[in-house]
Amino acid sequence: MNPISKNVTSKTNERFSLKQIFATSLLVISLPLASMAIAQDDGSNAKDRDMDNRAHCEKGDKMRHGMRNHDMAKPGMPPYLQGLQLTPAQDDQIFALTYPQIPAMRDEHKQRMQLMDDLRAVSQADKFDEAKVQQIANKMAALEKEKIVTLARNDAKIFAILTPEQRVKAREAKMHGPEHGFNHDEGNRGEPGKTSLISPSENPLIQRLI
């Protein structure tokens, strides 16, 4: 090999060696940095997951604490009984009184909703039928009267089961909260402490028709 070729080959090898050294150096430097970034990211994610789990647990504890301090709403049980800490015997007595009446109450509710549909149909008809409207209004008034009597009768029986202290709390609950009567799909939407069987939007219409 002539001196010129030898010199060129030597410089080429030197250049490749420098490139290899530079690449290796970058790799050596970047690997620890990448590992640190991954570790930091895993730590942040783990911390976030830990915070989420802790918040979820605290929320569950609060819910369980609330359930322990307040009686759960039971089917057929008037809402004003919540928080009275009924004894098992009282709970059984009230449940036996109210629960069997739920089907009849729901049937009454369905009848009233059907009458409201009939009333809307008559009031929006091309020809107004006042006799039909009076008939619907009388049926709704009869349903309302029957429900008021039933609720009053049940309240009297329930209060007879309560202790004097519980009666005081129950009266306060009825005075400061809406009276639902029974705990089912139909809600009371009237004034606090009063039994409302027709929604406020429907009451004025019925009052004008009766």
N, C-alpha and C. Protein backbone atom coordinates (compact mmCIF):
# COMPACT_ATOMS: atom_id res chain seq x y z
N MET A 1 0.86 -1.18 0.00
CA MET A 1 0.00 0.00 0.00
C MET A 1 0.90 1.24 0.00
N ASN A 2 0.52 2.19 -0.83
CA ASN A 2 1.35 3.39 -0.91
C ASN A 2 1.05 4.30 0.28
N PRO A 3 1.93 5.23 0.56
CA PRO A 3 1.77 6.09 1.75
C PRO A 3 0.50 6.90 1.72
N ILE A 4 0.06 7.33 0.54
CA ILE A 4 -1.15 8.17 0.45
C ILE A 4 -2.38 7.37 0.84
N SER A 5 -2.50 6.16 0.29
CA SER A 5 -3.65 5.30 0.61
C SER A 5 -3.66 4.95 2.08
N LYS A 6 -2.50 4.66 2.62
CA LYS A 6 -2.41 4.32 4.03
C LYS A 6 -2.87 5.47 4.92
N ASN A 7 -2.50 6.69 4.53
CA ASN A 7 -2.88 7.87 5.30
C ASN A 7 -4.39 8.08 5.26
N VAL A 8 -5.00 7.88 4.09
CA VAL A 8 -6.45 8.06 3.93
C VAL A 8 -7.20 7.03 4.77
N THR A 9 -6.74 5.79 4.72
CA THR A 9 -7.37 4.72 5.50
C THR A 9 -7.29 5.00 6.99
N SER A 10 -6.16 5.49 7.42
CA SER A 10 -5.97 5.81 8.84
C SER A 10 -6.92 6.89 9.30
N LYS A 11 -7.08 7.94 8.47
CA LYS A 11 -7.98 9.04 8.83
C LYS A 11 -9.44 8.57 8.84
N THR A 12 -9.76 7.68 7.88
CA THR A 12 -11.14 7.16 7.82
C THR A 12 -11.46 6.35 9.06
N ASN A 13 -10.52 5.48 9.46
CA ASN A 13 -10.72 4.68 10.67
C ASN A 13 -10.83 5.55 11.91
N GLU A 14 -10.04 6.60 11.93
CA GLU A 14 -10.08 7.51 13.06
C GLU A 14 -11.42 8.22 13.15
N ARG A 15 -11.95 8.60 11.92
CA ARG A 15 -13.23 9.30 11.90
C ARG A 15 -14.35 8.38 12.38
N PHE A 16 -14.32 7.09 11.93
CA PHE A 16 -15.32 6.13 12.37
C PHE A 16 -15.22 5.87 13.86
N SER A 17 -14.01 5.82 14.35
CA SER A 17 -13.83 5.58 15.78
C SER A 17 -14.40 6.71 16.61
N LEU A 18 -14.19 7.95 16.14
CA LEU A 18 -14.74 9.10 16.85
C LEU A 18 -16.26 9.08 16.84
N LYS A 19 -16.85 8.69 15.69
CA LYS A 19 -18.31 8.61 15.60
C LYS A 19 -18.86 7.55 16.56
N GLN A 20 -18.16 6.42 16.60
CA GLN A 20 -18.60 5.35 17.48
C GLN A 20 -18.52 5.78 18.95
N ILE A 21 -17.43 6.45 19.28
CA ILE A 21 -17.26 6.92 20.66
C ILE A 21 -18.34 7.92 21.02
N PHE A 22 -18.64 8.84 20.08
CA PHE A 22 -19.65 9.87 20.32
C PHE A 22 -21.04 9.23 20.50
N ALA A 23 -21.34 8.26 19.62
CA ALA A 23 -22.64 7.58 19.72
C ALA A 23 -22.76 6.81 21.02
N THR A 24 -21.69 6.14 21.38
CA THR A 24 -21.71 5.38 22.63
C THR A 24 -21.88 6.29 23.84
N SER A 25 -21.22 7.46 23.78
CA SER A 25 -21.33 8.41 24.88
C SER A 25 -22.76 8.90 25.04
N LEU A 26 -23.38 9.20 23.88
CA LEU A 26 -24.78 9.65 23.93
C LEU A 26 -25.68 8.57 24.52
N LEU A 27 -25.43 7.33 24.13
CA LEU A 27 -26.23 6.23 24.63
C LEU A 27 -26.07 6.06 26.14
N VAL A 28 -24.83 6.17 26.59
CA VAL A 28 -24.55 6.03 28.02
C VAL A 28 -25.22 7.13 28.82
N ILE A 29 -25.22 8.35 28.26
CA ILE A 29 -25.82 9.48 28.97
C ILE A 29 -27.35 9.40 28.96
N SER A 30 -27.91 8.99 27.80
CA SER A 30 -29.36 9.03 27.64
C SER A 30 -30.07 7.93 28.42
N LEU A 31 -29.43 6.77 28.59
CA LEU A 31 -30.09 5.67 29.28
C LEU A 31 -30.46 6.01 30.72
N PRO A 32 -29.54 6.56 31.52
CA PRO A 32 -29.93 6.93 32.89
C PRO A 32 -31.03 7.98 32.93
N LEU A 33 -30.94 8.96 31.98
CA LEU A 33 -31.97 9.99 31.95
C LEU A 33 -33.33 9.40 31.64
N ALA A 34 -33.34 8.47 30.67
CA ALA A 34 -34.61 7.83 30.32
C ALA A 34 -35.15 7.02 31.49
N SER A 35 -34.27 6.33 32.18
CA SER A 35 -34.69 5.54 33.33
C SER A 35 -35.27 6.43 34.43
N MET A 36 -34.61 7.60 34.63
CA MET A 36 -35.11 8.53 35.64
C MET A 36 -36.48 9.06 35.25
N ALA A 37 -36.65 9.36 33.95
CA ALA A 37 -37.94 9.89 33.49
C ALA A 37 -39.04 8.86 33.68
N ILE A 38 -38.73 7.60 33.33
CA ILE A 38 -39.72 6.53 33.48
C ILE A 38 -40.06 6.33 34.95
N ALA A 39 -39.03 6.33 35.78
CA ALA A 39 -39.25 6.14 37.22
C ALA A 39 -40.08 7.28 37.79
N GLN A 40 -39.77 8.52 37.34
CA GLN A 40 -40.52 9.67 37.83
C GLN A 40 -41.97 9.60 37.37
N ASP A 41 -42.17 9.19 36.11
CA ASP A 41 -43.53 9.08 35.59
C ASP A 41 -44.31 8.01 36.33
N ASP A 42 -43.64 6.87 36.58
CA ASP A 42 -44.30 5.81 37.34
C ASP A 42 -44.63 6.27 38.75
N GLY A 43 -43.73 7.05 39.32
CA GLY A 43 -43.98 7.55 40.66
C GLY A 43 -45.16 8.51 40.69
N SER A 44 -45.24 9.39 39.68
CA SER A 44 -46.35 10.33 39.61
C SER A 44 -47.66 9.59 39.41
N ASN A 45 -47.65 8.62 38.49
CA ASN A 45 -48.87 7.86 38.26
C ASN A 45 -49.29 7.08 39.50
N ALA A 46 -48.30 6.50 40.17
CA ALA A 46 -48.61 5.76 41.39
C ALA A 46 -49.18 6.69 42.45
N LYS A 47 -48.62 7.90 42.53
CA LYS A 47 -49.11 8.87 43.51
C LYS A 47 -50.54 9.27 43.17
N ASP A 48 -50.80 9.51 41.86
CA ASP A 48 -52.16 9.87 41.45
C ASP A 48 -53.14 8.74 41.76
N ARG A 49 -52.70 7.51 41.46
CA ARG A 49 -53.58 6.38 41.74
C ARG A 49 -53.84 6.24 43.24
N ASP A 50 -52.81 6.49 44.02
CA ASP A 50 -52.97 6.40 45.47
C ASP A 50 -53.94 7.46 45.98
N MET A 51 -53.84 8.68 45.43
CA MET A 51 -54.75 9.75 45.84
C MET A 51 -56.18 9.43 45.43
N ASP A 52 -56.34 8.89 44.21
CA ASP A 52 -57.69 8.53 43.76
C ASP A 52 -58.29 7.45 44.64
N ASN A 53 -57.47 6.44 44.95
CA ASN A 53 -57.97 5.36 45.80
C ASN A 53 -58.33 5.86 47.19
N ARG A 54 -57.48 6.78 47.70
CA ARG A 54 -57.75 7.32 49.03
C ARG A 54 -59.03 8.14 49.04
N ALA A 55 -59.24 8.95 47.99
CA ALA A 55 -60.47 9.75 47.90
C ALA A 55 -61.69 8.84 47.79
N HIS A 56 -61.55 7.78 47.02
CA HIS A 56 -62.66 6.83 46.86
C HIS A 56 -63.00 6.17 48.19
N CYS A 57 -61.97 5.79 48.93
CA CYS A 57 -62.20 5.15 50.23
C CYS A 57 -62.85 6.12 51.21
N GLU A 58 -62.39 7.39 51.20
CA GLU A 58 -62.97 8.37 52.11
C GLU A 58 -64.44 8.61 51.78
N LYS A 59 -64.75 8.64 50.48
CA LYS A 59 -66.14 8.83 50.07
C LYS A 59 -67.00 7.67 50.53
N GLY A 60 -66.46 6.46 50.38
CA GLY A 60 -67.19 5.28 50.84
C GLY A 60 -67.40 5.28 52.34
N ASP A 61 -66.36 5.73 53.08
CA ASP A 61 -66.49 5.79 54.54
C ASP A 61 -67.57 6.78 54.94
N LYS A 62 -67.62 7.93 54.25
CA LYS A 62 -68.64 8.93 54.57
C LYS A 62 -70.04 8.39 54.29
N MET A 63 -70.17 7.68 53.17
CA MET A 63 -71.48 7.12 52.84
C MET A 63 -71.90 6.09 53.87
N ARG A 64 -70.96 5.23 54.27
CA ARG A 64 -71.29 4.23 55.27
C ARG A 64 -71.61 4.87 56.61
N HIS A 65 -70.86 5.96 56.92
CA HIS A 65 -71.12 6.67 58.18
C HIS A 65 -72.51 7.28 58.17
N GLY A 66 -72.89 7.87 57.01
CA GLY A 66 -74.22 8.44 56.90
C GLY A 66 -75.31 7.39 57.01
N MET A 67 -75.04 6.21 56.44
CA MET A 67 -76.01 5.13 56.51
C MET A 67 -76.18 4.65 57.94
N ARG A 68 -75.12 4.69 58.72
CA ARG A 68 -75.22 4.25 60.11
C ARG A 68 -75.99 5.25 60.96
N ASN A 69 -75.84 6.54 60.64
CA ASN A 69 -76.46 7.57 61.47
C ASN A 69 -77.89 7.89 61.07
N HIS A 70 -78.31 7.46 59.90
CA HIS A 70 -79.66 7.76 59.43
C HIS A 70 -80.31 6.47 58.93
N ASP A 71 -81.56 6.29 59.32
CA ASP A 71 -82.27 5.11 58.85
C ASP A 71 -82.43 5.19 57.34
N MET A 72 -82.21 4.08 56.67
CA MET A 72 -82.39 4.04 55.23
C MET A 72 -83.88 4.07 54.91
N ALA A 73 -84.23 4.77 53.81
CA ALA A 73 -85.62 4.82 53.38
C ALA A 73 -86.04 3.43 52.92
N LYS A 74 -87.11 2.94 53.50
CA LYS A 74 -87.60 1.60 53.17
C LYS A 74 -88.89 1.72 52.37
N PRO A 75 -89.18 0.76 51.52
CA PRO A 75 -90.42 0.80 50.75
C PRO A 75 -91.63 0.88 51.67
N GLY A 76 -92.52 1.82 51.39
CA GLY A 76 -93.73 1.96 52.18
C GLY A 76 -93.57 2.76 53.46
N MET A 77 -92.34 3.18 53.80
CA MET A 77 -92.11 3.89 55.05
C MET A 77 -92.15 5.40 54.82
N PRO A 78 -92.95 6.14 55.60
CA PRO A 78 -92.97 7.59 55.46
C PRO A 78 -91.59 8.19 55.70
N PRO A 79 -91.17 9.17 54.92
CA PRO A 79 -89.84 9.76 55.06
C PRO A 79 -89.59 10.40 56.42
N TYR A 80 -90.64 10.86 57.10
CA TYR A 80 -90.41 11.53 58.38
C TYR A 80 -89.92 10.57 59.47
N LEU A 81 -89.91 9.28 59.17
CA LEU A 81 -89.40 8.31 60.14
C LEU A 81 -87.89 8.13 60.06
N GLN A 82 -87.28 8.68 59.02
CA GLN A 82 -85.84 8.53 58.87
C GLN A 82 -85.11 9.27 60.00
N GLY A 83 -84.14 8.61 60.59
CA GLY A 83 -83.35 9.22 61.65
C GLY A 83 -83.93 9.05 63.04
N LEU A 84 -85.07 8.35 63.16
CA LEU A 84 -85.69 8.17 64.48
C LEU A 84 -85.12 6.98 65.23
N GLN A 85 -84.26 6.20 64.60
CA GLN A 85 -83.66 5.03 65.23
C GLN A 85 -84.73 4.10 65.79
N LEU A 86 -85.57 3.63 64.90
CA LEU A 86 -86.64 2.71 65.29
C LEU A 86 -86.05 1.40 65.80
N THR A 87 -86.73 0.82 66.76
CA THR A 87 -86.33 -0.51 67.23
C THR A 87 -86.77 -1.54 66.19
N PRO A 88 -86.18 -2.73 66.20
CA PRO A 88 -86.61 -3.76 65.26
C PRO A 88 -88.10 -4.06 65.36
N ALA A 89 -88.65 -4.03 66.58
CA ALA A 89 -90.08 -4.29 66.75
C ALA A 89 -90.92 -3.19 66.12
N GLN A 90 -90.51 -1.93 66.33
CA GLN A 90 -91.23 -0.81 65.71
C GLN A 90 -91.14 -0.88 64.19
N ASP A 91 -89.95 -1.19 63.72
CA ASP A 91 -89.73 -1.29 62.28
C ASP A 91 -90.66 -2.33 61.67
N ASP A 92 -90.77 -3.47 62.32
CA ASP A 92 -91.64 -4.55 61.81
C ASP A 92 -93.11 -4.13 61.84
N GLN A 93 -93.52 -3.46 62.91
CA GLN A 93 -94.92 -3.04 63.03
C GLN A 93 -95.30 -2.04 61.94
N ILE A 94 -94.44 -1.04 61.74
CA ILE A 94 -94.73 -0.01 60.74
C ILE A 94 -94.67 -0.59 59.34
N PHE A 95 -93.70 -1.46 59.12
CA PHE A 95 -93.59 -2.10 57.81
C PHE A 95 -94.84 -2.93 57.51
N ALA A 96 -95.31 -3.68 58.50
CA ALA A 96 -96.52 -4.50 58.32
C ALA A 96 -97.75 -3.63 58.05
N LEU A 97 -97.74 -2.41 58.56
CA LEU A 97 -98.86 -1.50 58.36
C LEU A 97 -98.85 -0.86 56.98
N THR A 98 -97.69 -0.39 56.56
CA THR A 98 -97.63 0.43 55.34
C THR A 98 -97.33 -0.35 54.06
N TYR A 99 -96.50 -1.35 54.15
CA TYR A 99 -96.06 -2.03 52.93
C TYR A 99 -97.20 -2.65 52.13
N PRO A 100 -98.17 -3.32 52.75
CA PRO A 100 -99.26 -3.91 51.97
C PRO A 100 -100.11 -2.89 51.21
N GLN A 101 -100.03 -1.61 51.59
CA GLN A 101 -100.85 -0.60 50.95
C GLN A 101 -100.19 -0.01 49.70
N ILE A 102 -98.94 -0.34 49.45
CA ILE A 102 -98.23 0.25 48.31
C ILE A 102 -98.92 -0.05 46.98
N PRO A 103 -99.34 -1.29 46.70
CA PRO A 103 -100.01 -1.54 45.41
C PRO A 103 -101.24 -0.67 45.20
N ALA A 104 -102.05 -0.49 46.26
CA ALA A 104 -103.24 0.35 46.14
C ALA A 104 -102.87 1.81 45.89
N MET A 105 -101.81 2.28 46.56
CA MET A 105 -101.37 3.65 46.37
C MET A 105 -100.86 3.87 44.96
N ARG A 106 -100.14 2.91 44.43
CA ARG A 106 -99.64 3.03 43.07
C ARG A 106 -100.78 2.99 42.06
N ASP A 107 -101.77 2.14 42.34
CA ASP A 107 -102.93 2.08 41.46
C ASP A 107 -103.67 3.40 41.46
N GLU A 108 -103.80 4.00 42.63
CA GLU A 108 -104.44 5.33 42.73
C GLU A 108 -103.66 6.37 41.94
N HIS A 109 -102.34 6.28 42.02
CA HIS A 109 -101.49 7.23 41.30
C HIS A 109 -101.67 7.07 39.78
N LYS A 110 -101.73 5.83 39.32
CA LYS A 110 -101.94 5.59 37.89
C LYS A 110 -103.30 6.12 37.43
N GLN A 111 -104.32 5.92 38.27
CA GLN A 111 -105.65 6.43 37.93
C GLN A 111 -105.63 7.95 37.79
N ARG A 112 -104.95 8.60 38.72
CA ARG A 112 -104.89 10.06 38.68
C ARG A 112 -104.14 10.56 37.45
N MET A 113 -103.04 9.87 37.09
CA MET A 113 -102.30 10.26 35.89
C MET A 113 -103.15 10.06 34.63
N GLN A 114 -103.95 8.99 34.61
CA GLN A 114 -104.83 8.75 33.47
C GLN A 114 -105.90 9.83 33.38
N LEU A 115 -106.45 10.22 34.53
CA LEU A 115 -107.44 11.29 34.54
C LEU A 115 -106.85 12.61 34.05
N MET A 116 -105.59 12.87 34.40
CA MET A 116 -104.95 14.09 33.92
C MET A 116 -104.76 14.04 32.40
N ASP A 117 -104.43 12.87 31.88
CA ASP A 117 -104.33 12.73 30.43
C ASP A 117 -105.68 12.97 29.77
N ASP A 118 -106.73 12.43 30.38
CA ASP A 118 -108.08 12.63 29.84
C ASP A 118 -108.46 14.11 29.90
N LEU A 119 -108.11 14.76 30.98
CA LEU A 119 -108.43 16.18 31.13
C LEU A 119 -107.72 17.02 30.07
N ARG A 120 -106.45 16.72 29.83
CA ARG A 120 -105.72 17.46 28.80
C ARG A 120 -106.34 17.24 27.42
N ALA A 121 -106.74 16.01 27.16
CA ALA A 121 -107.34 15.70 25.86
C ALA A 121 -108.64 16.46 25.67
N VAL A 122 -109.48 16.52 26.71
CA VAL A 122 -110.75 17.23 26.61
C VAL A 122 -110.54 18.73 26.47
N SER A 123 -109.61 19.28 27.25
CA SER A 123 -109.38 20.73 27.21
C SER A 123 -108.77 21.19 25.89
N GLN A 124 -108.10 20.28 25.17
CA GLN A 124 -107.48 20.63 23.90
C GLN A 124 -108.29 20.18 22.69
N ALA A 125 -109.46 19.62 22.93
CA ALA A 125 -110.30 19.13 21.83
C ALA A 125 -110.89 20.30 21.05
N ASP A 126 -111.29 20.03 19.82
CA ASP A 126 -111.90 21.08 18.99
C ASP A 126 -113.20 21.59 19.60
N LYS A 127 -113.93 20.68 20.24
CA LYS A 127 -115.19 21.06 20.88
C LYS A 127 -115.09 20.79 22.37
N PHE A 128 -115.31 21.81 23.18
CA PHE A 128 -115.16 21.67 24.62
C PHE A 128 -116.38 20.98 25.21
N ASP A 129 -116.13 19.95 26.04
CA ASP A 129 -117.19 19.18 26.69
C ASP A 129 -117.11 19.43 28.19
N GLU A 130 -117.89 20.39 28.66
CA GLU A 130 -117.83 20.76 30.08
C GLU A 130 -118.31 19.64 30.99
N ALA A 131 -119.30 18.89 30.55
CA ALA A 131 -119.80 17.78 31.37
C ALA A 131 -118.70 16.73 31.59
N LYS A 132 -117.93 16.47 30.54
CA LYS A 132 -116.83 15.51 30.66
C LYS A 132 -115.77 16.02 31.62
N VAL A 133 -115.48 17.31 31.55
CA VAL A 133 -114.49 17.90 32.45
C VAL A 133 -114.96 17.80 33.90
N GLN A 134 -116.22 18.08 34.14
CA GLN A 134 -116.76 17.97 35.50
C GLN A 134 -116.68 16.54 36.02
N GLN A 135 -116.92 15.59 35.14
CA GLN A 135 -116.83 14.19 35.52
C GLN A 135 -115.40 13.82 35.93
N ILE A 136 -114.43 14.27 35.13
CA ILE A 136 -113.02 14.00 35.44
C ILE A 136 -112.62 14.66 36.76
N ALA A 137 -113.06 15.91 36.93
CA ALA A 137 -112.71 16.65 38.14
C ALA A 137 -113.29 15.97 39.38
N ASN A 138 -114.50 15.47 39.29
CA ASN A 138 -115.12 14.79 40.42
C ASN A 138 -114.37 13.50 40.77
N LYS A 139 -113.92 12.77 39.76
CA LYS A 139 -113.16 11.55 40.01
C LYS A 139 -111.82 11.86 40.69
N MET A 140 -111.18 12.93 40.23
CA MET A 140 -109.90 13.32 40.83
C MET A 140 -110.10 13.78 42.27
N ALA A 141 -111.18 14.50 42.52
CA ALA A 141 -111.46 14.95 43.89
C ALA A 141 -111.72 13.76 44.81
N ALA A 142 -112.40 12.74 44.29
CA ALA A 142 -112.67 11.55 45.09
C ALA A 142 -111.37 10.81 45.42
N LEU A 143 -110.48 10.71 44.43
CA LEU A 143 -109.19 10.07 44.67
C LEU A 143 -108.38 10.83 45.70
N GLU A 144 -108.40 12.15 45.61
CA GLU A 144 -107.64 12.97 46.56
C GLU A 144 -108.20 12.83 47.97
N LYS A 145 -109.51 12.83 48.07
CA LYS A 145 -110.14 12.68 49.39
C LYS A 145 -109.76 11.35 50.02
N GLU A 146 -109.83 10.28 49.24
CA GLU A 146 -109.51 8.95 49.75
C GLU A 146 -108.06 8.85 50.21
N LYS A 147 -107.17 9.48 49.44
CA LYS A 147 -105.76 9.41 49.81
C LYS A 147 -105.48 10.20 51.08
N ILE A 148 -106.09 11.36 51.22
CA ILE A 148 -105.89 12.17 52.42
C ILE A 148 -106.35 11.41 53.66
N VAL A 149 -107.51 10.76 53.56
CA VAL A 149 -108.03 9.99 54.69
C VAL A 149 -107.10 8.83 55.02
N THR A 150 -106.59 8.15 53.98
CA THR A 150 -105.69 7.01 54.20
C THR A 150 -104.40 7.45 54.88
N LEU A 151 -103.83 8.56 54.41
CA LEU A 151 -102.58 9.05 54.99
C LEU A 151 -102.77 9.47 56.45
N ALA A 152 -103.89 10.14 56.72
CA ALA A 152 -104.15 10.58 58.10
C ALA A 152 -104.34 9.37 59.02
N ARG A 153 -105.05 8.36 58.53
CA ARG A 153 -105.28 7.15 59.33
C ARG A 153 -103.95 6.44 59.61
N ASN A 154 -103.11 6.33 58.60
CA ASN A 154 -101.82 5.66 58.78
C ASN A 154 -100.91 6.44 59.72
N ASP A 155 -100.91 7.76 59.59
CA ASP A 155 -100.08 8.57 60.49
C ASP A 155 -100.48 8.35 61.94
N ALA A 156 -101.80 8.28 62.19
CA ALA A 156 -102.27 8.07 63.56
C ALA A 156 -101.80 6.72 64.09
N LYS A 157 -101.85 5.69 63.25
CA LYS A 157 -101.40 4.36 63.68
C LYS A 157 -99.89 4.33 63.91
N ILE A 158 -99.15 5.03 63.04
CA ILE A 158 -97.69 5.06 63.18
C ILE A 158 -97.28 5.81 64.44
N PHE A 159 -97.92 6.96 64.70
CA PHE A 159 -97.57 7.74 65.89
C PHE A 159 -97.88 6.96 67.16
N ALA A 160 -98.86 6.07 67.10
CA ALA A 160 -99.18 5.25 68.27
C ALA A 160 -98.08 4.24 68.56
N ILE A 161 -97.30 3.90 67.55
CA ILE A 161 -96.19 2.95 67.70
C ILE A 161 -94.94 3.64 68.24
N LEU A 162 -94.78 4.94 67.98
CA LEU A 162 -93.58 5.67 68.37
C LEU A 162 -93.56 5.99 69.86
N THR A 163 -92.36 6.22 70.37
CA THR A 163 -92.20 6.68 71.75
C THR A 163 -92.48 8.19 71.79
N PRO A 164 -92.72 8.77 72.97
CA PRO A 164 -92.96 10.22 73.04
C PRO A 164 -91.84 11.04 72.40
N GLU A 165 -90.58 10.64 72.65
CA GLU A 165 -89.46 11.37 72.06
C GLU A 165 -89.47 11.26 70.54
N GLN A 166 -89.78 10.09 70.04
CA GLN A 166 -89.83 9.90 68.59
C GLN A 166 -90.97 10.69 67.96
N ARG A 167 -92.07 10.82 68.67
CA ARG A 167 -93.19 11.60 68.15
C ARG A 167 -92.81 13.06 67.97
N VAL A 168 -92.07 13.58 68.95
CA VAL A 168 -91.62 14.97 68.85
C VAL A 168 -90.76 15.17 67.60
N LYS A 169 -89.81 14.26 67.40
CA LYS A 169 -88.93 14.36 66.23
C LYS A 169 -89.71 14.17 64.94
N ALA A 170 -90.68 13.26 64.95
CA ALA A 170 -91.49 13.02 63.75
C ALA A 170 -92.32 14.25 63.40
N ARG A 171 -92.88 14.91 64.40
CA ARG A 171 -93.66 16.13 64.14
C ARG A 171 -92.77 17.22 63.55
N GLU A 172 -91.57 17.35 64.11
CA GLU A 172 -90.64 18.35 63.58
C GLU A 172 -90.27 18.04 62.13
N ALA A 173 -90.05 16.76 61.84
CA ALA A 173 -89.70 16.37 60.47
C ALA A 173 -90.85 16.67 59.52
N LYS A 174 -92.08 16.45 59.96
CA LYS A 174 -93.24 16.71 59.11
C LYS A 174 -93.45 18.20 58.90
N MET A 175 -93.09 19.00 59.91
CA MET A 175 -93.27 20.44 59.80
C MET A 175 -92.23 21.09 58.90
N HIS A 176 -91.01 20.57 58.92
CA HIS A 176 -89.91 21.21 58.20
C HIS A 176 -89.55 20.52 56.89
N GLY A 177 -90.28 19.50 56.54
CA GLY A 177 -89.98 18.80 55.29
C GLY A 177 -91.25 18.46 54.56
N PRO A 178 -91.13 18.20 53.24
CA PRO A 178 -92.32 17.83 52.46
C PRO A 178 -92.87 16.50 52.92
N GLU A 179 -94.16 16.40 52.99
CA GLU A 179 -94.82 15.16 53.42
C GLU A 179 -95.09 14.28 52.21
N HIS A 180 -94.40 13.16 52.13
CA HIS A 180 -94.55 12.27 50.98
C HIS A 180 -95.60 11.20 51.21
N GLY A 181 -95.99 10.98 52.43
CA GLY A 181 -96.93 9.91 52.68
C GLY A 181 -96.25 8.57 52.63
N PHE A 182 -96.13 8.01 51.44
CA PHE A 182 -95.46 6.72 51.27
C PHE A 182 -94.25 6.89 50.40
N ASN A 183 -93.30 6.01 50.62
CA ASN A 183 -92.02 6.10 49.92
C ASN A 183 -92.06 5.28 48.64
N HIS A 184 -92.65 5.80 47.57
CA HIS A 184 -92.62 5.11 46.29
C HIS A 184 -92.44 6.13 45.20
N ASP A 185 -92.67 5.76 43.96
CA ASP A 185 -92.30 6.60 42.82
C ASP A 185 -92.98 7.96 42.84
N GLU A 186 -94.13 8.02 43.44
CA GLU A 186 -94.88 9.26 43.44
C GLU A 186 -94.35 10.17 44.53
N GLY A 187 -93.90 11.35 44.19
CA GLY A 187 -93.37 12.27 45.18
C GLY A 187 -94.32 13.42 45.43
N ASN A 188 -94.27 13.96 46.61
CA ASN A 188 -95.05 15.14 46.92
C ASN A 188 -94.28 16.35 46.46
N ARG A 189 -94.96 17.24 45.75
CA ARG A 189 -94.28 18.42 45.26
C ARG A 189 -94.99 19.69 45.71
N GLY A 190 -95.71 19.60 46.83
CA GLY A 190 -96.43 20.76 47.31
C GLY A 190 -95.67 21.49 48.39
N GLU A 191 -96.43 22.15 49.28
CA GLU A 191 -95.81 22.95 50.33
C GLU A 191 -95.30 22.05 51.44
N PRO A 192 -94.21 22.47 52.11
CA PRO A 192 -93.69 21.67 53.23
C PRO A 192 -94.75 21.48 54.30
N GLY A 193 -94.83 20.25 54.83
CA GLY A 193 -95.76 19.97 55.90
C GLY A 193 -97.18 19.71 55.46
N LYS A 194 -97.45 19.74 54.15
CA LYS A 194 -98.79 19.52 53.64
C LYS A 194 -98.78 18.40 52.62
N THR A 195 -99.92 17.73 52.50
CA THR A 195 -100.03 16.64 51.54
C THR A 195 -100.56 17.19 50.24
N SER A 196 -99.80 17.06 49.20
CA SER A 196 -100.21 17.52 47.88
C SER A 196 -100.32 16.33 46.96
N LEU A 197 -101.48 16.14 46.36
CA LEU A 197 -101.70 14.98 45.51
C LEU A 197 -101.61 15.34 44.04
N ILE A 198 -101.54 16.62 43.72
CA ILE A 198 -101.44 17.06 42.33
C ILE A 198 -100.29 18.05 42.26
N SER A 199 -99.51 18.00 41.20
CA SER A 199 -98.36 18.88 41.08
C SER A 199 -98.82 20.32 40.99
N PRO A 200 -97.96 21.29 41.39
CA PRO A 200 -98.32 22.70 41.38
C PRO A 200 -98.78 23.18 40.01
N SER A 201 -98.21 22.63 38.94
CA SER A 201 -98.59 23.07 37.60
C SER A 201 -100.00 22.62 37.24
N GLU A 202 -100.49 21.57 37.94
CA GLU A 202 -101.81 21.05 37.63
C GLU A 202 -102.88 21.61 38.57
N ASN A 203 -102.51 22.01 39.77
CA ASN A 203 -103.48 22.50 40.74
C ASN A 203 -104.33 23.67 40.24
N PRO A 204 -103.72 24.73 39.68
CA PRO A 204 -104.54 25.86 39.22
C PRO A 204 -105.56 25.43 38.19
N LEU A 205 -105.20 24.51 37.31
CA LEU A 205 -106.12 24.06 36.28
C LEU A 205 -107.31 23.36 36.90
N ILE A 206 -107.04 22.47 37.86
CA ILE A 206 -108.13 21.75 38.52
C ILE A 206 -109.02 22.72 39.29
N GLN A 207 -108.42 23.70 39.96
CA GLN A 207 -109.20 24.65 40.74
C GLN A 207 -110.14 25.45 39.86
N ARG A 208 -109.72 25.75 38.65
CA ARG A 208 -110.59 26.50 37.74
C ARG A 208 -111.73 25.65 37.20
N LEU A 209 -111.49 24.32 37.16
CA LEU A 209 -112.48 23.44 36.55
C LEU A 209 -113.51 22.92 37.55
N ILE A 210 -113.14 22.88 38.84
CA ILE A 210 -114.08 22.35 39.84
C ILE A 210 -115.13 23.42 40.19
